[in-house]
């Protein structure tokens, strides 16, 4: 357990940051799931709309340091490919 005041403060900061990051990742996963569900249903218009909504959320995850840039690029590319194949 932390003994110094600075270490205790660091624990508090980490807990807050972890909560924010967890919420952000949850939002990203939700948006991606909506795209995947629209693709699975075969509705191209809904899939494109969900993709357009998911894209900024995923890029926001990159800018906030929750996701890696290449991971988001790969996922978006794959989703776009699945939509195009519909």
C-alpha atoms as a PDB file:
ATOM      1  CA  UNK A   1       0.000   0.000   0.000  1.00  0.00           C
ATOM      2  CA  UNK A   2       1.120   3.543  -0.702  1.00  0.00           C
ATOM      3  CA  UNK A   3       2.800   5.390   2.157  1.00  0.00           C
ATOM      4  CA  UNK A   4       3.655   8.824   0.789  1.00  0.00           C
ATOM      5  CA  UNK A   5       1.099  11.492  -0.014  1.00  0.00           C
ATOM      6  CA  UNK A   6       2.245  11.613  -3.641  1.00  0.00           C
ATOM      7  CA  UNK A   7       1.797   7.849  -4.022  1.00  0.00           C
ATOM      8  CA  UNK A   8      -1.696   8.041  -2.530  1.00  0.00           C
ATOM      9  CA  UNK A   9      -2.568  10.859  -4.931  1.00  0.00           C
ATOM     10  CA  UNK A  10      -1.195   8.782  -7.831  1.00  0.00           C
ATOM     11  CA  UNK A  11      -3.528   5.941  -6.861  1.00  0.00           C
ATOM     12  CA  UNK A  12      -6.507   8.311  -6.889  1.00  0.00           C
ATOM     13  CA  UNK A  13      -5.510   9.725 -10.275  1.00  0.00           C
ATOM     14  CA  UNK A  14      -5.019   6.274 -11.739  1.00  0.00           C
ATOM     15  CA  UNK A  15      -8.436   5.142 -10.510  1.00  0.00           C
ATOM     16  CA  UNK A  16     -10.125   8.150 -12.144  1.00  0.00           C
ATOM     17  CA  UNK A  17      -8.222   7.697 -15.420  1.00  0.00           C
ATOM     18  CA  UNK A  18      -8.991   3.975 -15.476  1.00  0.00           C
ATOM     19  CA  UNK A  19     -12.701   4.676 -15.114  1.00  0.00           C
ATOM     20  CA  UNK A  20     -12.661   7.223 -17.949  1.00  0.00           C
ATOM     21  CA  UNK A  21     -10.674   4.890 -20.203  1.00  0.00           C
ATOM     22  CA  UNK A  22     -12.974   1.964 -19.402  1.00  0.00           C
ATOM     23  CA  UNK A  23     -16.021   4.046 -20.345  1.00  0.00           C
ATOM     24  CA  UNK A  24     -14.377   5.192 -23.569  1.00  0.00           C
ATOM     25  CA  UNK A  25     -13.466   1.624 -24.562  1.00  0.00           C
ATOM     26  CA  UNK A  26     -16.997   0.520 -23.779  1.00  0.00           C
ATOM     27  CA  UNK A  27     -18.369   3.216 -26.095  1.00  0.00           C
ATOM     28  CA  UNK A  28     -15.995   2.167 -28.869  1.00  0.00           C
ATOM     29  CA  UNK A  29     -16.981  -1.497 -28.519  1.00  0.00           C
ATOM     30  CA  UNK A  30     -20.673  -0.550 -28.566  1.00  0.00           C
ATOM     31  CA  UNK A  31     -20.293   1.439 -31.786  1.00  0.00           C
ATOM     32  CA  UNK A  32     -18.317  -1.370 -33.422  1.00  0.00           C
ATOM     33  CA  UNK A  33     -20.919  -3.920 -32.320  1.00  0.00           C
ATOM     34  CA  UNK A  34     -23.680  -1.828 -33.922  1.00  0.00           C
ATOM     35  CA  UNK A  35     -21.774  -1.823 -37.214  1.00  0.00           C
ATOM     36  CA  UNK A  36     -21.204  -5.582 -37.037  1.00  0.00           C
ATOM     37  CA  UNK A  37     -24.869  -6.228 -36.260  1.00  0.00           C
ATOM     38  CA  UNK A  38     -25.947  -4.085 -39.218  1.00  0.00           C
ATOM     39  CA  UNK A  39     -23.536  -5.999 -41.465  1.00  0.00           C
ATOM     40  CA  UNK A  40     -24.855  -9.321 -40.157  1.00  0.00           C
ATOM     41  CA  UNK A  41     -28.431  -8.264 -40.867  1.00  0.00           C
ATOM     42  CA  UNK A  42     -27.440  -7.425 -44.446  1.00  0.00           C
ATOM     43  CA  UNK A  43     -28.690  -3.842 -44.306  1.00  0.00           C
ATOM     44  CA  UNK A  44     -26.074  -1.836 -46.193  1.00  0.00           C
ATOM     45  CA  UNK A  45     -27.606   1.581 -45.475  1.00  0.00           C
ATOM     46  CA  UNK A  46     -27.781   0.909 -41.734  1.00  0.00           C
ATOM     47  CA  UNK A  47     -24.250  -0.491 -41.771  1.00  0.00           C
ATOM     48  CA  UNK A  48     -22.914   2.620 -43.504  1.00  0.00           C
ATOM     49  CA  UNK A  49     -24.714   4.887 -41.048  1.00  0.00           C
ATOM     50  CA  UNK A  50     -23.367   2.920 -38.080  1.00  0.00           C
ATOM     51  CA  UNK A  51     -19.876   2.977 -39.618  1.00  0.00           C
ATOM     52  CA  UNK A  52     -20.021   6.761 -40.008  1.00  0.00           C
ATOM     53  CA  UNK A  53     -20.993   7.042 -36.328  1.00  0.00           C
ATOM     54  CA  UNK A  54     -18.295   4.597 -35.179  1.00  0.00           C
ATOM     55  CA  UNK A  55     -15.429   6.191 -37.072  1.00  0.00           C
ATOM     56  CA  UNK A  56     -15.081   9.406 -35.010  1.00  0.00           C
ATOM     57  CA  UNK A  57     -15.524   7.489 -31.768  1.00  0.00           C
ATOM     58  CA  UNK A  58     -12.680   5.148 -32.662  1.00  0.00           C
ATOM     59  CA  UNK A  59     -10.440   8.026 -33.760  1.00  0.00           C
ATOM     60  CA  UNK A  60     -11.223   9.757 -30.470  1.00  0.00           C
ATOM     61  CA  UNK A  61      -9.994   6.640 -28.694  1.00  0.00           C
ATOM     62  CA  UNK A  62      -6.704   7.010 -30.551  1.00  0.00           C
ATOM     63  CA  UNK A  63      -6.332  10.693 -29.689  1.00  0.00           C
ATOM     64  CA  UNK A  64      -7.063   9.978 -26.021  1.00  0.00           C
ATOM     65  CA  UNK A  65      -4.488   7.200 -25.932  1.00  0.00           C
ATOM     66  CA  UNK A  66      -6.899   4.339 -25.270  1.00  0.00           C
ATOM     67  CA  UNK A  67      -6.382   2.587 -28.609  1.00  0.00           C
ATOM     68  CA  UNK A  68      -3.401   2.264 -30.907  1.00  0.00           C
ATOM     69  CA  UNK A  69      -3.558   4.089 -34.227  1.00  0.00           C
ATOM     70  CA  UNK A  70      -2.839   0.995 -36.318  1.00  0.00           C
ATOM     71  CA  UNK A  71      -5.428  -1.080 -34.459  1.00  0.00           C
ATOM     72  CA  UNK A  72      -8.146   1.431 -35.270  1.00  0.00           C
ATOM     73  CA  UNK A  73      -6.991   1.704 -38.885  1.00  0.00           C
ATOM     74  CA  UNK A  74      -7.112  -2.086 -39.239  1.00  0.00           C
ATOM     75  CA  UNK A  75     -10.555  -2.414 -37.655  1.00  0.00           C
ATOM     76  CA  UNK A  76     -12.031   0.424 -39.727  1.00  0.00           C
ATOM     77  CA  UNK A  77     -10.540  -1.017 -42.896  1.00  0.00           C
ATOM     78  CA  UNK A  78     -12.010  -4.440 -42.195  1.00  0.00           C
ATOM     79  CA  UNK A  79     -15.433  -3.019 -41.357  1.00  0.00           C
ATOM     80  CA  UNK A  80     -15.379  -0.934 -44.552  1.00  0.00           C
ATOM     81  CA  UNK A  81     -14.485  -4.039 -46.539  1.00  0.00           C
ATOM     82  CA  UNK A  82     -17.374  -5.985 -45.026  1.00  0.00           C
ATOM     83  CA  UNK A  83     -19.770  -3.140 -45.799  1.00  0.00           C
ATOM     84  CA  UNK A  84     -18.499  -2.894 -49.365  1.00  0.00           C
ATOM     85  CA  UNK A  85     -19.043  -6.632 -49.834  1.00  0.00           C
ATOM     86  CA  UNK A  86     -22.759  -6.319 -48.932  1.00  0.00           C
END
